[in-house]
Amino acid sequence: MLMSTISTTTSTISSSAAGAVSMTTPIGLPEYGVLAVIALILLLSAKEIMSVSEKWNKRLDSSLNMTTLPLLVSFAAIVIFKISEII
């Protein structure tokens, strides 16, 4: 009885280890960088359009700045990485 329990446990552990998936990612940019660039373009366009509207105020300006600045940093990182990949 004990021997069958040990062999069942051992076979279960070995089959789980065989089905394990690596949790590491390769070095590089994620495939969703295009979505970040599209979001940046849309937010910058919205900022330009809203700036001529009568609804424009300081709070809306700071809100759009808070969303575009991280995307600008991401965009710069994407461009630098792509250029270094070519060189």
PDB file of N, CA and C in Angstrom:
ATOM      1  N   MET A   1       0.822  -1.184   0.000  1.00  0.00           N
ATOM      2  CA  MET A   1       0.000   0.000   0.000  1.00  0.00           C
ATOM      3  C   MET A   1       0.877   1.262   0.000  1.00  0.00           C
ATOM      4  N   LEU A   2       1.864   1.284   0.879  1.00  0.00           N
ATOM      5  CA  LEU A   2       2.755   2.430   0.973  1.00  0.00           C
ATOM      6  C   LEU A   2       3.574   2.579  -0.308  1.00  0.00           C
ATOM      7  N   MET A   3       3.993   1.442  -0.867  1.00  0.00           N
ATOM      8  CA  MET A   3       4.800   1.480  -2.085  1.00  0.00           C
ATOM      9  C   MET A   3       3.992   2.021  -3.268  1.00  0.00           C
ATOM     10  N   SER A   4       2.723   1.668  -3.366  1.00  0.00           N
ATOM     11  CA  SER A   4       1.903   2.169  -4.466  1.00  0.00           C
ATOM     12  C   SER A   4       1.629   3.656  -4.308  1.00  0.00           C
ATOM     13  N   THR A   5       1.482   4.131  -3.081  1.00  0.00           N
ATOM     14  CA  THR A   5       1.283   5.553  -2.839  1.00  0.00           C
ATOM     15  C   THR A   5       2.521   6.343  -3.226  1.00  0.00           C
ATOM     16  N   ILE A   6       3.684   5.824  -2.891  1.00  0.00           N
ATOM     17  CA  ILE A   6       4.938   6.500  -3.237  1.00  0.00           C
ATOM     18  C   ILE A   6       5.125   6.523  -4.746  1.00  0.00           C
ATOM     19  N   SER A   7       4.825   5.418  -5.421  1.00  0.00           N
ATOM     20  CA  SER A   7       5.003   5.398  -6.875  1.00  0.00           C
ATOM     21  C   SER A   7       3.991   6.297  -7.571  1.00  0.00           C
ATOM     22  N   THR A   8       2.774   6.378  -7.053  1.00  0.00           N
ATOM     23  CA  THR A   8       1.767   7.276  -7.620  1.00  0.00           C
ATOM     24  C   THR A   8       2.187   8.723  -7.439  1.00  0.00           C
ATOM     25  N   THR A   9       2.679   9.053  -6.269  1.00  0.00           N
ATOM     26  CA  THR A   9       3.136  10.414  -5.995  1.00  0.00           C
ATOM     27  C   THR A   9       4.324  10.771  -6.870  1.00  0.00           C
ATOM     28  N   THR A  10       5.245   9.851  -7.033  1.00  0.00           N
ATOM     29  CA  THR A  10       6.427  10.088  -7.861  1.00  0.00           C
ATOM     30  C   THR A  10       6.031  10.288  -9.313  1.00  0.00           C
ATOM     31  N   SER A  11       5.112   9.478  -9.816  1.00  0.00           N
ATOM     32  CA  SER A  11       4.704   9.621 -11.213  1.00  0.00           C
ATOM     33  C   SER A  11       3.926  10.913 -11.416  1.00  0.00           C
ATOM     34  N   THR A  12       3.145  11.337 -10.424  1.00  0.00           N
ATOM     35  CA  THR A  12       2.412  12.597 -10.519  1.00  0.00           C
ATOM     36  C   THR A  12       3.378  13.776 -10.546  1.00  0.00           C
ATOM     37  N   ILE A  13       4.393  13.734  -9.702  1.00  0.00           N
ATOM     38  CA  ILE A  13       5.377  14.817  -9.653  1.00  0.00           C
ATOM     39  C   ILE A  13       6.156  14.877 -10.955  1.00  0.00           C
ATOM     40  N   SER A  14       6.552  13.738 -11.485  1.00  0.00           N
ATOM     41  CA  SER A  14       7.332  13.759 -12.718  1.00  0.00           C
ATOM     42  C   SER A  14       6.490  14.201 -13.904  1.00  0.00           C
ATOM     43  N   SER A  15       5.197  13.854 -13.940  1.00  0.00           N
ATOM     44  CA  SER A  15       4.363  14.308 -15.051  1.00  0.00           C
ATOM     45  C   SER A  15       4.078  15.800 -14.939  1.00  0.00           C
ATOM     46  N   SER A  16       3.969  16.346 -13.711  1.00  0.00           N
ATOM     47  CA  SER A  16       3.780  17.785 -13.575  1.00  0.00           C
ATOM     48  C   SER A  16       5.039  18.528 -13.974  1.00  0.00           C
ATOM     49  N   ALA A  17       6.187  17.980 -13.662  1.00  0.00           N
ATOM     50  CA  ALA A  17       7.435  18.642 -14.029  1.00  0.00           C
ATOM     51  C   ALA A  17       7.622  18.624 -15.541  1.00  0.00           C
ATOM     52  N   ALA A  18       7.156  17.575 -16.200  1.00  0.00           N
ATOM     53  CA  ALA A  18       7.293  17.497 -17.652  1.00  0.00           C
ATOM     54  C   ALA A  18       6.393  18.503 -18.340  1.00  0.00           C
ATOM     55  N   GLY A  19       5.273  18.858 -17.715  1.00  0.00           N
ATOM     56  CA  GLY A  19       4.346  19.802 -18.309  1.00  0.00           C
ATOM     57  C   GLY A  19       4.581  21.232 -17.872  1.00  0.00           C
ATOM     58  N   ALA A  20       5.656  21.483 -17.136  1.00  0.00           N
ATOM     59  CA  ALA A  20       5.926  22.831 -16.646  1.00  0.00           C
ATOM     60  C   ALA A  20       6.289  23.743 -17.807  1.00  0.00           C
ATOM     61  N   VAL A  21       5.851  24.977 -17.707  1.00  0.00           N
ATOM     62  CA  VAL A  21       6.114  25.975 -18.734  1.00  0.00           C
ATOM     63  C   VAL A  21       7.113  26.972 -18.180  1.00  0.00           C
ATOM     64  N   SER A  22       8.057  27.350 -18.987  1.00  0.00           N
ATOM     65  CA  SER A  22       9.056  28.324 -18.556  1.00  0.00           C
ATOM     66  C   SER A  22       8.407  29.682 -18.358  1.00  0.00           C
ATOM     67  N   MET A  23       8.719  30.333 -17.267  1.00  0.00           N
ATOM     68  CA  MET A  23       8.144  31.636 -16.968  1.00  0.00           C
ATOM     69  C   MET A  23       9.090  32.779 -17.339  1.00  0.00           C
ATOM     70  N   THR A  24      10.157  32.474 -18.050  1.00  0.00           N
ATOM     71  CA  THR A  24      11.076  33.531 -18.456  1.00  0.00           C
ATOM     72  C   THR A  24      10.643  34.082 -19.798  1.00  0.00           C
ATOM     73  N   THR A  25      10.956  35.330 -20.031  1.00  0.00           N
ATOM     74  CA  THR A  25      10.642  35.954 -21.311  1.00  0.00           C
ATOM     75  C   THR A  25      11.941  36.337 -21.995  1.00  0.00           C
ATOM     76  N   PRO A  26      11.941  36.319 -23.302  1.00  0.00           N
ATOM     77  CA  PRO A  26      13.153  36.711 -24.006  1.00  0.00           C
ATOM     78  C   PRO A  26      13.388  38.215 -23.889  1.00  0.00           C
ATOM     79  N   ILE A  27      14.629  38.614 -24.050  1.00  0.00           N
ATOM     80  CA  ILE A  27      14.969  40.029 -23.986  1.00  0.00           C
ATOM     81  C   ILE A  27      14.428  40.700 -25.237  1.00  0.00           C
ATOM     82  N   GLY A  28      13.806  41.821 -25.058  1.00  0.00           N
ATOM     83  CA  GLY A  28      13.259  42.550 -26.191  1.00  0.00           C
ATOM     84  C   GLY A  28      12.012  43.306 -25.784  1.00  0.00           C
ATOM     85  N   LEU A  29      11.356  43.844 -26.773  1.00  0.00           N
ATOM     86  CA  LEU A  29      10.149  44.612 -26.526  1.00  0.00           C
ATOM     87  C   LEU A  29       8.926  43.716 -26.610  1.00  0.00           C
ATOM     88  N   PRO A  30       7.901  44.030 -25.840  1.00  0.00           N
ATOM     89  CA  PRO A  30       6.680  43.250 -25.955  1.00  0.00           C
ATOM     90  C   PRO A  30       6.008  43.524 -27.299  1.00  0.00           C
ATOM     91  N   GLU A  31       5.169  42.613 -27.681  1.00  0.00           N
ATOM     92  CA  GLU A  31       4.489  42.758 -28.966  1.00  0.00           C
ATOM     93  C   GLU A  31       3.425  43.832 -28.949  1.00  0.00           C
ATOM     94  N   TYR A  32       3.118  44.345 -27.780  1.00  0.00           N
ATOM     95  CA  TYR A  32       2.065  45.345 -27.665  1.00  0.00           C
ATOM     96  C   TYR A  32       2.596  46.766 -27.712  1.00  0.00           C
ATOM     97  N   GLY A  33       3.812  46.964 -28.168  1.00  0.00           N
ATOM     98  CA  GLY A  33       4.367  48.301 -28.296  1.00  0.00           C
ATOM     99  C   GLY A  33       3.606  49.131 -29.296  1.00  0.00           C
ATOM    100  N   VAL A  34       3.043  48.472 -30.297  1.00  0.00           N
ATOM    101  CA  VAL A  34       2.250  49.179 -31.307  1.00  0.00           C
ATOM    102  C   VAL A  34       1.017  49.800 -30.665  1.00  0.00           C
ATOM    103  N   LEU A  35       0.414  49.088 -29.724  1.00  0.00           N
ATOM    104  CA  LEU A  35      -0.766  49.634 -29.041  1.00  0.00           C
ATOM    105  C   LEU A  35      -0.414  50.873 -28.226  1.00  0.00           C
ATOM    106  N   ALA A  36       0.762  50.875 -27.626  1.00  0.00           N
ATOM    107  CA  ALA A  36       1.199  52.046 -26.862  1.00  0.00           C
ATOM    108  C   ALA A  36       1.408  53.240 -27.781  1.00  0.00           C
ATOM    109  N   VAL A  37       1.959  53.001 -28.957  1.00  0.00           N
ATOM    110  CA  VAL A  37       2.180  54.093 -29.916  1.00  0.00           C
ATOM    111  C   VAL A  37       0.837  54.624 -30.426  1.00  0.00           C
ATOM    112  N   ILE A  38      -0.096  53.728 -30.699  1.00  0.00           N
ATOM    113  CA  ILE A  38      -1.422  54.160 -31.159  1.00  0.00           C
ATOM    114  C   ILE A  38      -2.132  54.963 -30.071  1.00  0.00           C
ATOM    115  N   ALA A  39      -2.026  54.518 -28.820  1.00  0.00           N
ATOM    116  CA  ALA A  39      -2.627  55.257 -27.707  1.00  0.00           C
ATOM    117  C   ALA A  39      -1.992  56.630 -27.557  1.00  0.00           C
ATOM    118  N   LEU A  40      -0.680  56.708 -27.750  1.00  0.00           N
ATOM    119  CA  LEU A  40       0.007  57.999 -27.672  1.00  0.00           C
ATOM    120  C   LEU A  40      -0.482  58.938 -28.756  1.00  0.00           C
ATOM    121  N   ILE A  41      -0.614  58.437 -29.970  1.00  0.00           N
ATOM    122  CA  ILE A  41      -1.097  59.267 -31.080  1.00  0.00           C
ATOM    123  C   ILE A  41      -2.514  59.761 -30.799  1.00  0.00           C
ATOM    124  N   LEU A  42      -3.377  58.878 -30.313  1.00  0.00           N
ATOM    125  CA  LEU A  42      -4.758  59.269 -30.022  1.00  0.00           C
ATOM    126  C   LEU A  42      -4.828  60.308 -28.909  1.00  0.00           C
ATOM    127  N   LEU A  43      -4.029  60.121 -27.858  1.00  0.00           N
ATOM    128  CA  LEU A  43      -4.051  61.086 -26.754  1.00  0.00           C
ATOM    129  C   LEU A  43      -3.486  62.442 -27.163  1.00  0.00           C
ATOM    130  N   LEU A  44      -2.422  62.439 -27.952  1.00  0.00           N
ATOM    131  CA  LEU A  44      -1.870  63.718 -28.416  1.00  0.00           C
ATOM    132  C   LEU A  44      -2.844  64.422 -29.360  1.00  0.00           C
ATOM    133  N   SER A  45      -3.541  63.652 -30.184  1.00  0.00           N
ATOM    134  CA  SER A  45      -4.556  64.242 -31.073  1.00  0.00           C
ATOM    135  C   SER A  45      -5.707  64.828 -30.262  1.00  0.00           C
ATOM    136  N   ALA A  46      -6.142  64.092 -29.246  1.00  0.00           N
ATOM    137  CA  ALA A  46      -7.225  64.591 -28.396  1.00  0.00           C
ATOM    138  C   ALA A  46      -6.807  65.865 -27.675  1.00  0.00           C
ATOM    139  N   LYS A  47      -5.552  65.919 -27.253  1.00  0.00           N
ATOM    140  CA  LYS A  47      -5.070  67.116 -26.564  1.00  0.00           C
ATOM    141  C   LYS A  47      -5.067  68.323 -27.496  1.00  0.00           C
ATOM    142  N   GLU A  48      -4.642  68.112 -28.731  1.00  0.00           N
ATOM    143  CA  GLU A  48      -4.635  69.220 -29.702  1.00  0.00           C
ATOM    144  C   GLU A  48      -6.054  69.683 -30.033  1.00  0.00           C
ATOM    145  N   ILE A  49      -6.959  68.747 -30.189  1.00  0.00           N
ATOM    146  CA  ILE A  49      -8.335  69.103 -30.525  1.00  0.00           C
ATOM    147  C   ILE A  49      -9.017  69.795 -29.349  1.00  0.00           C
ATOM    148  N   MET A  50      -8.817  69.262 -28.152  1.00  0.00           N
ATOM    149  CA  MET A  50      -9.462  69.838 -26.975  1.00  0.00           C
ATOM    150  C   MET A  50      -8.872  71.193 -26.585  1.00  0.00           C
ATOM    151  N   SER A  51      -7.634  71.462 -26.966  1.00  0.00           N
ATOM    152  CA  SER A  51      -7.010  72.726 -26.566  1.00  0.00           C
ATOM    153  C   SER A  51      -7.667  73.935 -27.231  1.00  0.00           C
ATOM    154  N   VAL A  52      -8.341  73.741 -28.337  1.00  0.00           N
ATOM    155  CA  VAL A  52      -9.026  74.861 -28.994  1.00  0.00           C
ATOM    156  C   VAL A  52     -10.502  74.926 -28.603  1.00  0.00           C
ATOM    157  N   SER A  53     -10.940  74.009 -27.797  1.00  0.00           N
ATOM    158  CA  SER A  53     -12.335  73.973 -27.359  1.00  0.00           C
ATOM    159  C   SER A  53     -12.541  74.893 -26.162  1.00  0.00           C
ATOM    160  N   GLU A  54     -13.797  75.289 -25.939  1.00  0.00           N
ATOM    161  CA  GLU A  54     -14.091  76.121 -24.775  1.00  0.00           C
ATOM    162  C   GLU A  54     -14.125  75.286 -23.493  1.00  0.00           C
ATOM    163  N   LYS A  55     -14.120  73.974 -23.614  1.00  0.00           N
ATOM    164  CA  LYS A  55     -14.101  73.081 -22.454  1.00  0.00           C
ATOM    165  C   LYS A  55     -12.697  72.903 -21.876  1.00  0.00           C
ATOM    166  N   TRP A  56     -11.690  73.482 -22.504  1.00  0.00           N
ATOM    167  CA  TRP A  56     -10.296  73.297 -22.094  1.00  0.00           C
ATOM    168  C   TRP A  56     -10.044  74.023 -20.786  1.00  0.00           C
ATOM    169  N   ASN A  57      -9.439  73.335 -19.831  1.00  0.00           N
ATOM    170  CA  ASN A  57      -9.050  73.968 -18.575  1.00  0.00           C
ATOM    171  C   ASN A  57      -7.763  73.331 -18.074  1.00  0.00           C
ATOM    172  N   LYS A  58      -7.259  73.854 -16.990  1.00  0.00           N
ATOM    173  CA  LYS A  58      -5.977  73.396 -16.456  1.00  0.00           C
ATOM    174  C   LYS A  58      -6.043  71.944 -15.977  1.00  0.00           C
ATOM    175  N   ARG A  59      -7.185  71.546 -15.432  1.00  0.00           N
ATOM    176  CA  ARG A  59      -7.335  70.190 -14.929  1.00  0.00           C
ATOM    177  C   ARG A  59      -7.316  69.176 -16.075  1.00  0.00           C
ATOM    178  N   LEU A  60      -7.966  69.502 -17.181  1.00  0.00           N
ATOM    179  CA  LEU A  60      -7.951  68.625 -18.353  1.00  0.00           C
ATOM    180  C   LEU A  60      -6.549  68.542 -18.945  1.00  0.00           C
ATOM    181  N   ASP A  61      -5.848  69.663 -18.956  1.00  0.00           N
ATOM    182  CA  ASP A  61      -4.480  69.687 -19.461  1.00  0.00           C
ATOM    183  C   ASP A  61      -3.561  68.791 -18.630  1.00  0.00           C
ATOM    184  N   SER A  62      -3.649  68.903 -17.314  1.00  0.00           N
ATOM    185  CA  SER A  62      -2.778  68.082 -16.466  1.00  0.00           C
ATOM    186  C   SER A  62      -3.162  66.610 -16.549  1.00  0.00           C
ATOM    187  N   SER A  63      -4.442  66.333 -16.715  1.00  0.00           N
ATOM    188  CA  SER A  63      -4.878  64.939 -16.853  1.00  0.00           C
ATOM    189  C   SER A  63      -4.333  64.309 -18.132  1.00  0.00           C
ATOM    190  N   LEU A  64      -4.380  65.047 -19.231  1.00  0.00           N
ATOM    191  CA  LEU A  64      -3.821  64.515 -20.475  1.00  0.00           C
ATOM    192  C   LEU A  64      -2.301  64.433 -20.426  1.00  0.00           C
ATOM    193  N   ASN A  65      -1.668  65.352 -19.710  1.00  0.00           N
ATOM    194  CA  ASN A  65      -0.207  65.273 -19.547  1.00  0.00           C
ATOM    195  C   ASN A  65       0.195  64.042 -18.754  1.00  0.00           C
ATOM    196  N   MET A  66      -0.589  63.709 -17.731  1.00  0.00           N
ATOM    197  CA  MET A  66      -0.270  62.531 -16.915  1.00  0.00           C
ATOM    198  C   MET A  66      -0.386  61.243 -17.714  1.00  0.00           C
ATOM    199  N   THR A  67      -1.240  61.220 -18.711  1.00  0.00           N
ATOM    200  CA  THR A  67      -1.378  60.003 -19.515  1.00  0.00           C
ATOM    201  C   THR A  67      -0.380  59.950 -20.658  1.00  0.00           C
ATOM    202  N   THR A  68       0.008  61.098 -21.186  1.00  0.00           N
ATOM    203  CA  THR A  68       0.909  61.077 -22.344  1.00  0.00           C
ATOM    204  C   THR A  68       2.381  60.964 -21.962  1.00  0.00           C
ATOM    205  N   LEU A  69       2.778  61.493 -20.818  1.00  0.00           N
ATOM    206  CA  LEU A  69       4.197  61.456 -20.462  1.00  0.00           C
ATOM    207  C   LEU A  69       4.746  60.034 -20.307  1.00  0.00           C
ATOM    208  N   PRO A  70       4.062  59.116 -19.620  1.00  0.00           N
ATOM    209  CA  PRO A  70       4.593  57.743 -19.568  1.00  0.00           C
ATOM    210  C   PRO A  70       4.634  57.073 -20.941  1.00  0.00           C
ATOM    211  N   LEU A  71       3.654  57.400 -21.783  1.00  0.00           N
ATOM    212  CA  LEU A  71       3.658  56.831 -23.132  1.00  0.00           C
ATOM    213  C   LEU A  71       4.792  57.414 -23.975  1.00  0.00           C
ATOM    214  N   LEU A  72       5.139  58.676 -23.749  1.00  0.00           N
ATOM    215  CA  LEU A  72       6.277  59.271 -24.456  1.00  0.00           C
ATOM    216  C   LEU A  72       7.581  58.603 -24.037  1.00  0.00           C
ATOM    217  N   VAL A  73       7.711  58.301 -22.750  1.00  0.00           N
ATOM    218  CA  VAL A  73       8.905  57.596 -22.275  1.00  0.00           C
ATOM    219  C   VAL A  73       8.972  56.203 -22.902  1.00  0.00           C
ATOM    220  N   SER A  74       7.841  55.514 -22.956  1.00  0.00           N
ATOM    221  CA  SER A  74       7.791  54.187 -23.590  1.00  0.00           C
ATOM    222  C   SER A  74       8.135  54.275 -25.067  1.00  0.00           C
ATOM    223  N   PHE A  75       7.609  55.296 -25.733  1.00  0.00           N
ATOM    224  CA  PHE A  75       7.899  55.481 -27.152  1.00  0.00           C
ATOM    225  C   PHE A  75       9.391  55.728 -27.374  1.00  0.00           C
ATOM    226  N   ALA A  76       9.991  56.558 -26.529  1.00  0.00           N
ATOM    227  CA  ALA A  76      11.429  56.811 -26.652  1.00  0.00           C
ATOM    228  C   ALA A  76      12.230  55.534 -26.429  1.00  0.00           C
ATOM    229  N   ALA A  77      11.809  54.720 -25.464  1.00  0.00           N
ATOM    230  CA  ALA A  77      12.506  53.457 -25.216  1.00  0.00           C
ATOM    231  C   ALA A  77      12.365  52.507 -26.403  1.00  0.00           C
ATOM    232  N   ILE A  78      11.205  52.479 -27.017  1.00  0.00           N
ATOM    233  CA  ILE A  78      10.988  51.623 -28.186  1.00  0.00           C
ATOM    234  C   ILE A  78      11.888  52.065 -29.332  1.00  0.00           C
ATOM    235  N   VAL A  79      11.946  53.363 -29.566  1.00  0.00           N
ATOM    236  CA  VAL A  79      12.771  53.887 -30.663  1.00  0.00           C
ATOM    237  C   VAL A  79      14.245  53.596 -30.409  1.00  0.00           C
ATOM    238  N   ILE A  80      14.704  53.831 -29.187  1.00  0.00           N
ATOM    239  CA  ILE A  80      16.112  53.566 -28.858  1.00  0.00           C
ATOM    240  C   ILE A  80      16.438  52.083 -29.022  1.00  0.00           C
ATOM    241  N   PHE A  81      15.531  51.217 -28.574  1.00  0.00           N
ATOM    242  CA  PHE A  81      15.773  49.782 -28.688  1.00  0.00           C
ATOM    243  C   PHE A  81      15.801  49.347 -30.148  1.00  0.00           C
ATOM    244  N   LYS A  82      14.879  49.863 -30.946  1.00  0.00           N
ATOM    245  CA  LYS A  82      14.852  49.483 -32.367  1.00  0.00           C
ATOM    246  C   LYS A  82      16.110  49.976 -33.096  1.00  0.00           C
ATOM    247  N   ILE A  83      16.570  51.174 -32.775  1.00  0.00           N
ATOM    248  CA  ILE A  83      17.781  51.697 -33.402  1.00  0.00           C
ATOM    249  C   ILE A  83      19.000  50.871 -32.978  1.00  0.00           C
ATOM    250  N   SER A  84      19.073  50.524 -31.689  1.00  0.00           N
ATOM    251  CA  SER A  84      20.208  49.720 -31.241  1.00  0.00           C
ATOM    252  C   SER A  84      20.153  48.304 -31.800  1.00  0.00           C
ATOM    253  N   GLU A  85      18.964  47.826 -32.096  1.00  0.00           N
ATOM    254  CA  GLU A  85      18.814  46.507 -32.706  1.00  0.00           C
ATOM    255  C   GLU A  85      19.345  46.506 -34.133  1.00  0.00           C
ATOM    256  N   ILE A  86      19.163  47.627 -34.848  1.00  0.00           N
ATOM    257  CA  ILE A  86      19.657  47.741 -36.221  1.00  0.00           C
ATOM    258  C   ILE A  86      21.175  47.878 -36.240  1.00  0.00           C
ATOM    259  N   ILE A  87      21.704  48.670 -35.314  1.00  0.00           N
ATOM    260  CA  ILE A  87      23.152  48.898 -35.261  1.00  0.00           C
ATOM    261  C   ILE A  87      23.789  47.707 -34.673  1.00  0.00           C
TER     262      ILE A  87
END
